[in-house]
Amino acid sequence: MIFPLEELIKYQGNIYEITSAASRRSYQLSRLDGPEVEENDGKVVSLAARQVFNGSVKFRLTENTENIAIPVH
């Protein structure tokens, strides 16, 4: 699963923003290579998409794209 299709269909916000957030979060997860990634069989894109859609990662677009996906604890 690359993106949770049901959530994508229901999403009322800016598709560019959520796609960018999931992409950036995927990059972050691949660089961290933590236990979450191992538990998800190394599938960082699906993990990132799930985190963005379920709200465990908040996001916002900025001019500095390093701050696009912010984990919520």
PDB file of N, CA and C in Angstrom:
ATOM      1  N   MET A   1       0.840  -1.184   0.000  1.00  0.00           N
ATOM      2  CA  MET A   1       0.000   0.000   0.000  1.00  0.00           C
ATOM      3  C   MET A   1       0.879   1.239   0.000  1.00  0.00           C
ATOM      4  N   ILE A   2       0.731   2.069  -1.004  1.00  0.00           N
ATOM      5  CA  ILE A   2       1.493   3.307  -1.053  1.00  0.00           C
ATOM      6  C   ILE A   2       0.749   4.411  -0.308  1.00  0.00           C
ATOM      7  N   PHE A   3      -0.507   4.608  -0.614  1.00  0.00           N
ATOM      8  CA  PHE A   3      -1.344   5.566   0.097  1.00  0.00           C
ATOM      9  C   PHE A   3      -2.628   4.874   0.515  1.00  0.00           C
ATOM     10  N   PRO A   4      -3.127   5.180   1.696  1.00  0.00           N
ATOM     11  CA  PRO A   4      -4.425   4.634   2.102  1.00  0.00           C
ATOM     12  C   PRO A   4      -5.511   5.247   1.205  1.00  0.00           C
ATOM     13  N   LEU A   5      -5.972   4.499   0.232  1.00  0.00           N
ATOM     14  CA  LEU A   5      -6.857   5.016  -0.807  1.00  0.00           C
ATOM     15  C   LEU A   5      -8.133   5.634  -0.244  1.00  0.00           C
ATOM     16  N   GLU A   6      -8.764   4.978   0.719  1.00  0.00           N
ATOM     17  CA  GLU A   6      -9.998   5.528   1.298  1.00  0.00           C
ATOM     18  C   GLU A   6      -9.764   6.905   1.899  1.00  0.00           C
ATOM     19  N   GLU A   7      -8.652   7.033   2.631  1.00  0.00           N
ATOM     20  CA  GLU A   7      -8.339   8.317   3.254  1.00  0.00           C
ATOM     21  C   GLU A   7      -8.044   9.382   2.202  1.00  0.00           C
ATOM     22  N   LEU A   8      -7.383   8.987   1.148  1.00  0.00           N
ATOM     23  CA  LEU A   8      -7.068   9.931   0.074  1.00  0.00           C
ATOM     24  C   LEU A   8      -8.338  10.431  -0.605  1.00  0.00           C
ATOM     25  N   ILE A   9      -9.280   9.535  -0.827  1.00  0.00           N
ATOM     26  CA  ILE A   9     -10.546   9.919  -1.464  1.00  0.00           C
ATOM     27  C   ILE A   9     -11.332  10.875  -0.572  1.00  0.00           C
ATOM     28  N   LYS A  10     -11.334  10.629   0.730  1.00  0.00           N
ATOM     29  CA  LYS A  10     -12.078  11.458   1.680  1.00  0.00           C
ATOM     30  C   LYS A  10     -11.397  12.799   1.953  1.00  0.00           C
ATOM     31  N   TYR A  11     -10.117  12.880   1.685  1.00  0.00           N
ATOM     32  CA  TYR A  11      -9.344  14.063   2.046  1.00  0.00           C
ATOM     33  C   TYR A  11      -9.880  15.307   1.346  1.00  0.00           C
ATOM     34  N   GLN A  12     -10.165  16.340   2.120  1.00  0.00           N
ATOM     35  CA  GLN A  12     -10.739  17.567   1.581  1.00  0.00           C
ATOM     36  C   GLN A  12      -9.719  18.690   1.435  1.00  0.00           C
ATOM     37  N   GLY A  13      -8.515  18.455   1.927  1.00  0.00           N
ATOM     38  CA  GLY A  13      -7.496  19.501   1.876  1.00  0.00           C
ATOM     39  C   GLY A  13      -6.735  19.510   0.567  1.00  0.00           C
ATOM     40  N   ASN A  14      -5.604  20.174   0.592  1.00  0.00           N
ATOM     41  CA  ASN A  14      -4.743  20.326  -0.570  1.00  0.00           C
ATOM     42  C   ASN A  14      -3.952  19.035  -0.799  1.00  0.00           C
ATOM     43  N   ILE A  15      -4.192  18.367  -1.916  1.00  0.00           N
ATOM     44  CA  ILE A  15      -3.528  17.102  -2.236  1.00  0.00           C
ATOM     45  C   ILE A  15      -2.018  17.305  -2.354  1.00  0.00           C
ATOM     46  N   TYR A  16      -1.589  18.422  -2.900  1.00  0.00           N
ATOM     47  CA  TYR A  16      -0.155  18.700  -3.013  1.00  0.00           C
ATOM     48  C   TYR A  16       0.488  18.705  -1.636  1.00  0.00           C
ATOM     49  N   GLU A  17      -0.159  19.366  -0.675  1.00  0.00           N
ATOM     50  CA  GLU A  17       0.400  19.449   0.671  1.00  0.00           C
ATOM     51  C   GLU A  17       0.549  18.070   1.313  1.00  0.00           C
ATOM     52  N   ILE A  18      -0.497  17.274   1.249  1.00  0.00           N
ATOM     53  CA  ILE A  18      -0.436  15.985   1.921  1.00  0.00           C
ATOM     54  C   ILE A  18       0.532  15.033   1.220  1.00  0.00           C
ATOM     55  N   THR A  19       0.629  15.137  -0.103  1.00  0.00           N
ATOM     56  CA  THR A  19       1.592  14.322  -0.844  1.00  0.00           C
ATOM     57  C   THR A  19       3.016  14.750  -0.499  1.00  0.00           C
ATOM     58  N   SER A  20       3.237  16.046  -0.418  1.00  0.00           N
ATOM     59  CA  SER A  20       4.557  16.556  -0.046  1.00  0.00           C
ATOM     60  C   SER A  20       4.926  16.146   1.377  1.00  0.00           C
ATOM     61  N   ALA A  21       3.952  16.212   2.270  1.00  0.00           N
ATOM     62  CA  ALA A  21       4.203  15.823   3.654  1.00  0.00           C
ATOM     63  C   ALA A  21       4.561  14.345   3.752  1.00  0.00           C
ATOM     64  N   ALA A  22       3.825  13.505   3.058  1.00  0.00           N
ATOM     65  CA  ALA A  22       4.113  12.061   3.085  1.00  0.00           C
ATOM     66  C   ALA A  22       5.473  11.778   2.453  1.00  0.00           C
ATOM     67  N   SER A  23       5.802  12.484   1.393  1.00  0.00           N
ATOM     68  CA  SER A  23       7.092  12.307   0.737  1.00  0.00           C
ATOM     69  C   SER A  23       8.236  12.708   1.665  1.00  0.00           C
ATOM     70  N   ARG A  24       8.087  13.857   2.298  1.00  0.00           N
ATOM     71  CA  ARG A  24       9.130  14.342   3.212  1.00  0.00           C
ATOM     72  C   ARG A  24       9.253  13.423   4.419  1.00  0.00           C
ATOM     73  N   ARG A  25       8.125  12.966   4.941  1.00  0.00           N
ATOM     74  CA  ARG A  25       8.162  12.056   6.089  1.00  0.00           C
ATOM     75  C   ARG A  25       8.822  10.736   5.696  1.00  0.00           C
ATOM     76  N   SER A  26       8.577  10.271   4.478  1.00  0.00           N
ATOM     77  CA  SER A  26       9.231   9.055   3.983  1.00  0.00           C
ATOM     78  C   SER A  26      10.742   9.224   4.006  1.00  0.00           C
ATOM     79  N   TYR A  27      11.183  10.370   3.560  1.00  0.00           N
ATOM     80  CA  TYR A  27      12.618  10.659   3.559  1.00  0.00           C
ATOM     81  C   TYR A  27      13.160  10.646   4.990  1.00  0.00           C
ATOM     82  N   GLN A  28      12.435  11.302   5.905  1.00  0.00           N
ATOM     83  CA  GLN A  28      12.869  11.338   7.296  1.00  0.00           C
ATOM     84  C   GLN A  28      12.971   9.924   7.871  1.00  0.00           C
ATOM     85  N   LEU A  29      11.951   9.120   7.630  1.00  0.00           N
ATOM     86  CA  LEU A  29      11.940   7.755   8.151  1.00  0.00           C
ATOM     87  C   LEU A  29      13.081   6.924   7.578  1.00  0.00           C
ATOM     88  N   SER A  30      13.367   7.093   6.303  1.00  0.00           N
ATOM     89  CA  SER A  30      14.453   6.318   5.693  1.00  0.00           C
ATOM     90  C   SER A  30      15.810   6.720   6.262  1.00  0.00           C
ATOM     91  N   ARG A  31      15.959   7.978   6.616  1.00  0.00           N
ATOM     92  CA  ARG A  31      17.213   8.448   7.205  1.00  0.00           C
ATOM     93  C   ARG A  31      17.348   7.990   8.647  1.00  0.00           C
ATOM     94  N   LEU A  32      16.235   7.916   9.374  1.00  0.00           N
ATOM     95  CA  LEU A  32      16.273   7.499  10.774  1.00  0.00           C
ATOM     96  C   LEU A  32      16.444   5.993  10.916  1.00  0.00           C
ATOM     97  N   ASP A  33      15.791   5.245  10.038  1.00  0.00           N
ATOM     98  CA  ASP A  33      15.847   3.780  10.044  1.00  0.00           C
ATOM     99  C   ASP A  33      15.616   3.210  11.443  1.00  0.00           C
ATOM    100  N   GLY A  34      14.536   3.653  12.080  1.00  0.00           N
ATOM    101  CA  GLY A  34      14.229   3.235  13.438  1.00  0.00           C
ATOM    102  C   GLY A  34      13.348   2.002  13.503  1.00  0.00           C
ATOM    103  N   PRO A  35      12.912   1.663  14.701  1.00  0.00           N
ATOM    104  CA  PRO A  35      12.089   0.466  14.902  1.00  0.00           C
ATOM    105  C   PRO A  35      10.751   0.521  14.168  1.00  0.00           C
ATOM    106  N   GLU A  36      10.192   1.716  13.993  1.00  0.00           N
ATOM    107  CA  GLU A  36       8.936   1.834  13.247  1.00  0.00           C
ATOM    108  C   GLU A  36       9.099   1.306  11.829  1.00  0.00           C
ATOM    109  N   VAL A  37      10.234   1.616  11.227  1.00  0.00           N
ATOM    110  CA  VAL A  37      10.504   1.184   9.850  1.00  0.00           C
ATOM    111  C   VAL A  37      10.660  -0.331   9.807  1.00  0.00           C
ATOM    112  N   GLU A  38      11.383  -0.880  10.770  1.00  0.00           N
ATOM    113  CA  GLU A  38      11.550  -2.336  10.837  1.00  0.00           C
ATOM    114  C   GLU A  38      10.209  -3.037  11.001  1.00  0.00           C
ATOM    115  N   GLU A  39       9.352  -2.502  11.863  1.00  0.00           N
ATOM    116  CA  GLU A  39       8.034  -3.098  12.107  1.00  0.00           C
ATOM    117  C   GLU A  39       7.152  -3.053  10.867  1.00  0.00           C
ATOM    118  N   ASN A  40       7.447  -2.135   9.952  1.00  0.00           N
ATOM    119  CA  ASN A  40       6.678  -1.982   8.722  1.00  0.00           C
ATOM    120  C   ASN A  40       7.416  -2.594   7.528  1.00  0.00           C
ATOM    121  N   ASP A  41       8.303  -3.528   7.800  1.00  0.00           N
ATOM    122  CA  ASP A  41       9.076  -4.233   6.758  1.00  0.00           C
ATOM    123  C   ASP A  41       9.841  -3.293   5.840  1.00  0.00           C
ATOM    124  N   GLY A  42      10.294  -2.163   6.364  1.00  0.00           N
ATOM    125  CA  GLY A  42      11.085  -1.222   5.583  1.00  0.00           C
ATOM    126  C   GLY A  42      10.294  -0.387   4.591  1.00  0.00           C
ATOM    127  N   LYS A  43       8.987  -0.467   4.635  1.00  0.00           N
ATOM    128  CA  LYS A  43       8.139   0.274   3.682  1.00  0.00           C
ATOM    129  C   LYS A  43       7.862   1.673   4.227  1.00  0.00           C
ATOM    130  N   VAL A  44       8.785   2.579   3.962  1.00  0.00           N
ATOM    131  CA  VAL A  44       8.688   3.912   4.542  1.00  0.00           C
ATOM    132  C   VAL A  44       7.576   4.752   3.935  1.00  0.00           C
ATOM    133  N   VAL A  45       7.262   4.568   2.663  1.00  0.00           N
ATOM    134  CA  VAL A  45       6.218   5.381   2.027  1.00  0.00           C
ATOM    135  C   VAL A  45       4.855   5.065   2.620  1.00  0.00           C
ATOM    136  N   SER A  46       4.533   3.793   2.758  1.00  0.00           N
ATOM    137  CA  SER A  46       3.226   3.445   3.329  1.00  0.00           C
ATOM    138  C   SER A  46       3.149   3.843   4.795  1.00  0.00           C
ATOM    139  N   LEU A  47       4.245   3.702   5.533  1.00  0.00           N
ATOM    140  CA  LEU A  47       4.271   4.121   6.931  1.00  0.00           C
ATOM    141  C   LEU A  47       4.071   5.632   7.033  1.00  0.00           C
ATOM    142  N   ALA A  48       4.775   6.382   6.204  1.00  0.00           N
ATOM    143  CA  ALA A  48       4.650   7.840   6.224  1.00  0.00           C
ATOM    144  C   ALA A  48       3.230   8.283   5.871  1.00  0.00           C
ATOM    145  N   ALA A  49       2.649   7.667   4.850  1.00  0.00           N
ATOM    146  CA  ALA A  49       1.281   8.023   4.453  1.00  0.00           C
ATOM    147  C   ALA A  49       0.309   7.741   5.582  1.00  0.00           C
ATOM    148  N   ARG A  50       0.458   6.606   6.217  1.00  0.00           N
ATOM    149  CA  ARG A  50      -0.419   6.253   7.325  1.00  0.00           C
ATOM    150  C   ARG A  50      -0.271   7.267   8.471  1.00  0.00           C
ATOM    151  N   GLN A  51       0.966   7.661   8.778  1.00  0.00           N
ATOM    152  CA  GLN A  51       1.205   8.638   9.844  1.00  0.00           C
ATOM    153  C   GLN A  51       0.580   9.994   9.518  1.00  0.00           C
ATOM    154  N   VAL A  52       0.702  10.411   8.271  1.00  0.00           N
ATOM    155  CA  VAL A  52       0.147  11.708   7.873  1.00  0.00           C
ATOM    156  C   VAL A  52      -1.374  11.679   7.931  1.00  0.00           C
ATOM    157  N   PHE A  53      -1.983  10.628   7.393  1.00  0.00           N
ATOM    158  CA  PHE A  53      -3.442  10.561   7.360  1.00  0.00           C
ATOM    159  C   PHE A  53      -4.067  10.345   8.735  1.00  0.00           C
ATOM    160  N   ASN A  54      -3.410   9.595   9.623  1.00  0.00           N
ATOM    161  CA  ASN A  54      -4.028   9.358  10.932  1.00  0.00           C
ATOM    162  C   ASN A  54      -3.700  10.450  11.938  1.00  0.00           C
ATOM    163  N   GLY A  55      -2.877  11.418  11.542  1.00  0.00           N
ATOM    164  CA  GLY A  55      -2.612  12.569  12.402  1.00  0.00           C
ATOM    165  C   GLY A  55      -1.472  12.401  13.382  1.00  0.00           C
ATOM    166  N   SER A  56      -0.756  11.276  13.351  1.00  0.00           N
ATOM    167  CA  SER A  56       0.372  11.121  14.268  1.00  0.00           C
ATOM    168  C   SER A  56       1.562  11.972  13.822  1.00  0.00           C
ATOM    169  N   VAL A  57       1.503  12.481  12.594  1.00  0.00           N
ATOM    170  CA  VAL A  57       2.492  13.427  12.091  1.00  0.00           C
ATOM    171  C   VAL A  57       1.731  14.631  11.564  1.00  0.00           C
ATOM    172  N   LYS A  58       2.042  15.782  12.097  1.00  0.00           N
ATOM    173  CA  LYS A  58       1.438  17.029  11.620  1.00  0.00           C
ATOM    174  C   LYS A  58       2.346  17.612  10.557  1.00  0.00           C
ATOM    175  N   PHE A  59       1.790  18.373   9.638  1.00  0.00           N
ATOM    176  CA  PHE A  59       2.602  18.935   8.574  1.00  0.00           C
ATOM    177  C   PHE A  59       2.141  20.321   8.209  1.00  0.00           C
ATOM    178  N   ARG A  60       3.074  21.049   7.602  1.00  0.00           N
ATOM    179  CA  ARG A  60       2.779  22.363   7.044  1.00  0.00           C
ATOM    180  C   ARG A  60       3.843  22.666   6.005  1.00  0.00           C
ATOM    181  N   LEU A  61       3.484  23.389   4.989  1.00  0.00           N
ATOM    182  CA  LEU A  61       4.443  23.781   3.972  1.00  0.00           C
ATOM    183  C   LEU A  61       5.135  25.068   4.405  1.00  0.00           C
ATOM    184  N   THR A  62       6.419  25.087   4.213  1.00  0.00           N
ATOM    185  CA  THR A  62       7.203  26.281   4.502  1.00  0.00           C
ATOM    186  C   THR A  62       8.167  26.483   3.346  1.00  0.00           C
ATOM    187  N   GLU A  63       8.816  27.623   3.344  1.00  0.00           N
ATOM    188  CA  GLU A  63       9.835  27.842   2.318  1.00  0.00           C
ATOM    189  C   GLU A  63      11.013  26.908   2.529  1.00  0.00           C
ATOM    190  N   ASN A  64      11.278  26.575   3.777  1.00  0.00           N
ATOM    191  CA  ASN A  64      12.341  25.636   4.126  1.00  0.00           C
ATOM    192  C   ASN A  64      11.693  24.266   4.284  1.00  0.00           C
ATOM    193  N   THR A  65      11.802  23.408   3.282  1.00  0.00           N
ATOM    194  CA  THR A  65      11.080  22.130   3.282  1.00  0.00           C
ATOM    195  C   THR A  65      11.569  21.137   4.326  1.00  0.00           C
ATOM    196  N   GLU A  66      12.620  21.470   5.057  1.00  0.00           N
ATOM    197  CA  GLU A  66      13.093  20.557   6.097  1.00  0.00           C
ATOM    198  C   GLU A  66      12.071  20.436   7.226  1.00  0.00           C
ATOM    199  N   ASN A  67      11.175  21.369   7.375  1.00  0.00           N
ATOM    200  CA  ASN A  67      10.219  21.367   8.482  1.00  0.00           C
ATOM    201  C   ASN A  67       8.813  20.958   8.058  1.00  0.00           C
ATOM    202  N   ILE A  68       8.692  20.192   7.010  1.00  0.00           N
ATOM    203  CA  ILE A  68       7.375  19.914   6.462  1.00  0.00           C
ATOM    204  C   ILE A  68       6.577  18.873   7.246  1.00  0.00           C
ATOM    205  N   ALA A  69       7.226  17.900   7.829  1.00  0.00           N
ATOM    206  CA  ALA A  69       6.520  16.853   8.581  1.00  0.00           C
ATOM    207  C   ALA A  69       7.085  16.803   9.985  1.00  0.00           C
ATOM    208  N   ILE A  70       6.223  17.040  10.951  1.00  0.00           N
ATOM    209  CA  ILE A  70       6.664  17.130  12.326  1.00  0.00           C
ATOM    210  C   ILE A  70       5.983  16.038  13.136  1.00  0.00           C
ATOM    211  N   PRO A  71       6.724  15.063  13.685  1.00  0.00           N
ATOM    212  CA  PRO A  71       6.113  13.995  14.468  1.00  0.00           C
ATOM    213  C   PRO A  71       5.411  14.549  15.715  1.00  0.00           C
ATOM    214  N   VAL A  72       4.299  13.966  16.062  1.00  0.00           N
ATOM    215  CA  VAL A  72       3.546  14.353  17.247  1.00  0.00           C
ATOM    216  C   VAL A  72       3.745  13.252  18.290  1.00  0.00           C
ATOM    217  N   HIS A  73       4.131  13.631  19.479  1.00  0.00           N
ATOM    218  CA  HIS A  73       4.339  12.625  20.540  1.00  0.00           C
ATOM    219  C   HIS A  73       3.298  12.762  21.616  1.00  0.00           C
TER     220      HIS A  73
END
